[in-house]
Structure formats: structure tokens, C-alpha cells
Protein backbone atom coordinates (compact mmCIF):
# COMPACT_ATOMS: atom_id res chain seq x y z
CA MET A 1 20.09 4.38 1.62
CA ALA A 2 16.58 5.25 3.00
CA ALA A 3 14.00 2.76 2.95
CA VAL A 4 11.43 3.19 -0.10
CA THR A 5 7.77 3.13 1.58
CA LEU A 6 5.32 1.49 -0.51
CA LEU A 7 1.60 2.89 0.23
CA ASP A 8 -1.44 0.55 0.90
CA THR A 9 -5.07 1.14 1.03
CA GLY A 10 -5.55 0.88 4.51
CA PRO A 11 -3.38 3.99 5.79
CA LEU A 12 -4.88 6.05 2.81
CA VAL A 13 -8.47 5.33 3.81
CA ALA A 14 -7.34 5.76 7.44
CA LEU A 15 -5.65 9.32 6.95
CA MET A 16 -8.59 10.59 4.60
CA ASP A 17 -11.37 9.34 7.24
CA LYS A 18 -11.35 10.78 10.58
CA ARG A 19 -13.51 8.14 11.49
CA GLU A 20 -11.15 5.40 10.79
CA GLU A 21 -9.83 3.49 13.83
CA HIS A 22 -6.09 4.11 12.81
CA HIS A 23 -6.62 7.77 11.72
CA GLU A 24 -4.30 9.41 14.29
CA TRP A 25 -1.92 6.65 13.76
CA ALA A 26 -1.80 7.22 10.27
CA ARG A 27 -1.70 10.91 10.16
CA ALA A 28 1.25 10.51 12.74
CA ALA A 29 2.96 7.79 10.19
CA PHE A 30 1.92 10.00 7.25
CA ALA A 31 3.95 13.19 8.86
CA SER A 32 7.33 11.46 9.07
CA LEU A 33 7.33 10.04 5.36
CA ARG A 34 8.38 11.91 2.32
CA LEU A 35 6.26 12.85 -0.61
CA PRO A 36 5.45 11.61 -2.91
CA MET A 37 4.95 7.97 -2.36
CA PRO A 38 4.83 5.09 -4.44
CA THR A 39 1.89 2.98 -4.68
CA CYS A 40 -0.05 1.05 -7.50
CA GLN A 41 -2.97 1.63 -9.71
CA ALA A 42 -5.02 -1.04 -7.70
CA VAL A 43 -4.39 0.79 -4.48
CA ILE A 44 -5.40 3.94 -5.96
CA THR A 45 -8.83 2.32 -7.10
CA GLU A 46 -9.49 0.25 -3.83
CA THR A 47 -9.38 3.69 -2.19
CA CYS A 48 -11.52 5.24 -4.21
CA PHE A 49 -14.09 2.35 -3.96
CA ILE A 50 -13.91 2.40 -0.22
CA LEU A 51 -14.34 6.21 0.09
CA ARG A 52 -17.15 6.08 -2.58
CA SER A 53 -20.07 6.90 -0.18
CA GLU A 54 -17.31 9.63 1.81
CA PRO A 55 -17.79 12.83 -0.23
CA GLU A 56 -15.12 14.87 2.06
CA PRO A 57 -12.65 11.83 2.34
CA LEU A 58 -12.95 11.13 -1.11
CA ALA A 59 -12.30 14.85 -2.43
CA MET A 60 -9.38 15.15 0.09
CA PHE A 61 -7.84 12.08 -1.71
CA ARG A 62 -8.20 13.11 -4.71
CA HIS A 63 -6.79 16.47 -4.19
CA HIS A 64 -3.63 14.47 -2.98
CA VAL A 65 -3.56 12.36 -6.17
CA ALA A 66 -4.08 15.60 -8.34
CA LEU A 67 -0.98 17.11 -6.34
CA GLY A 68 1.12 14.00 -7.13
CA ASN A 69 1.41 12.94 -3.33
CA PHE A 70 0.84 9.37 -4.45
CA LEU A 71 2.36 7.88 -7.67
CA ASP A 72 1.89 4.91 -9.27
CA GLY A 73 5.10 3.01 -9.46
CA PHE A 74 4.12 -0.17 -10.43
CA ASP A 75 5.52 -1.20 -14.10
CA PHE A 76 2.22 -3.50 -15.12
CA ALA A 77 3.78 -4.91 -18.16
CA ALA A 78 6.87 -5.97 -16.44
CA SER A 79 5.83 -7.16 -13.14
CA ALA A 80 2.06 -8.44 -13.79
CA PRO A 81 3.45 -12.18 -14.29
CA ARG A 82 5.47 -11.98 -11.01
CA ALA A 83 2.11 -10.45 -9.25
CA MET A 84 -0.13 -13.32 -10.68
CA ALA A 85 2.19 -16.08 -9.57
CA LEU A 86 2.06 -14.47 -5.76
CA MET A 87 -1.60 -14.28 -6.31
CA GLU A 88 -1.29 -18.14 -7.00
CA ARG A 89 0.99 -18.81 -4.13
CA TYR A 90 -1.15 -17.22 -1.64
CA ALA A 91 -4.62 -18.45 -3.03
CA ASN A 92 -5.17 -19.70 0.56
CA VAL A 93 -5.05 -16.13 2.16
CA PRO A 94 -6.44 -15.10 -0.39
CA MET A 95 -3.74 -12.23 -1.73
CA SER A 96 -5.64 -9.35 -3.36
CA PHE A 97 -4.31 -7.82 -6.67
CA ALA A 98 -3.24 -4.87 -4.77
CA ASP A 99 -1.12 -6.80 -2.10
CA ALA A 100 0.45 -8.70 -5.19
CA CYS A 101 1.59 -5.57 -6.74
CA LEU A 102 2.78 -4.30 -3.63
CA VAL A 103 4.94 -7.10 -2.59
CA ALA A 104 6.25 -7.60 -6.26
CA MET A 105 7.25 -3.72 -6.00
CA ALA A 106 8.93 -4.36 -2.80
CA GLU A 107 10.97 -7.24 -4.25
CA GLN A 108 12.36 -4.52 -6.89
CA HIS A 109 13.66 -2.57 -3.77
CA GLU A 110 15.56 -4.27 -1.29
CA SER A 111 15.03 -1.53 1.50
CA ALA A 112 11.34 -1.17 0.62
CA ARG A 113 8.71 -1.72 3.30
CA VAL A 114 4.92 -1.45 2.96
CA PHE A 115 3.02 1.05 4.84
CA THR A 116 -0.34 -0.97 5.49
CA LEU A 117 -2.92 -1.92 8.21
CA ASP A 118 -3.42 -5.47 6.59
CA ARG A 119 -1.85 -8.47 8.70
CA ASP A 120 -1.90 -10.56 5.59
CA PHE A 121 1.50 -8.94 4.90
CA LEU A 122 2.91 -10.68 7.79
CA VAL A 123 2.38 -13.72 5.55
CA TYR A 124 3.90 -12.87 2.45
CA ARG A 125 7.51 -13.36 1.56
CA ARG A 126 9.79 -11.70 -1.09
CA THR A 127 11.29 -14.22 -3.75
CA ASN A 128 14.53 -14.91 -1.38
CA GLY A 129 11.67 -16.24 1.11
CA GLN A 130 12.64 -13.21 3.45
CA PRO A 131 9.50 -11.31 5.00
CA VAL A 132 8.37 -8.05 3.57
CA ALA A 133 9.10 -5.13 5.78
CA LEU A 134 6.54 -3.40 7.23
CA LEU A 135 5.42 0.17 8.65
CA ALA A 136 2.14 -0.92 10.37
CA PRO A 137 0.54 -0.38 14.16
CA PHE A 138 1.06 -4.10 14.44
CA VAL A 139 4.69 -4.19 14.05
CA GLU A 140 7.22 -2.69 16.36
């Protein structure tokens, strides 16, 4: 079974904005992945917020969303209690709502990995204590 790749904010911003440090890495990684990619509304919101002052990258992002390349795969009604519990558990990090949603999503798919630039994911653990698999420039 192919790994489910869950999309975090960092690679989205890097892909859209050529000035981002990890732009080329994100571009190469995206080229190897199958669309549409699941994410959560929190990631979509964060990406829009970060790109709000960058008209061209934001327009490119909106275009990708309109094409359906990035899909909301987070069932808030079913998964919100788990996301809130994760935020409480990792309050010392602190864990963002988007990160909590992605970890909760990863727990629903045994083969899931998170496509991220965020090293906080090295700290997070699934319910079974296992680390979350990552697609990240700091992971070999």
C-alpha cells in the first residue's frame, strides 16, 4: 500500500514562493507525489495567512486549491477531541492546531507520513507511541 502523504503548511508556502529557502526541495518533492493531497483546513488557513502579503504566490495557491490539488481530509467532528488532546499533551512545544490535526489524521492511516518543514514533528508521537513518519528535508 502506498503511503498517504499529508500536507503541512511549510512545503506549501515554499512551493508557492520562489524566495523561500526550501523552494527547490519542495518543488522536487511535490513532483514525486500524487495529487490531490490531503491536508486540513488549518493548513489551508495558515498558508493563506502567511502568503497574504505575497500576491503572486497567494494567487498560485488559490489556483491549486480551486483545481482540487489540496483536499481537506480532516473530519473535525470525529477528530477534534483527539486534536485537542494532542495539543494538551504537547503544550510545552507548543503544538499548533494544524499540527494536531495532521497527527490525528496520520493516526487514521497506518502508512501516513507528513510532508513538512517543521522539526516539531520529530517530537510528536502517534497513539501507539510510534513517531510520525515524515517527508522533510531534515529526514533521510
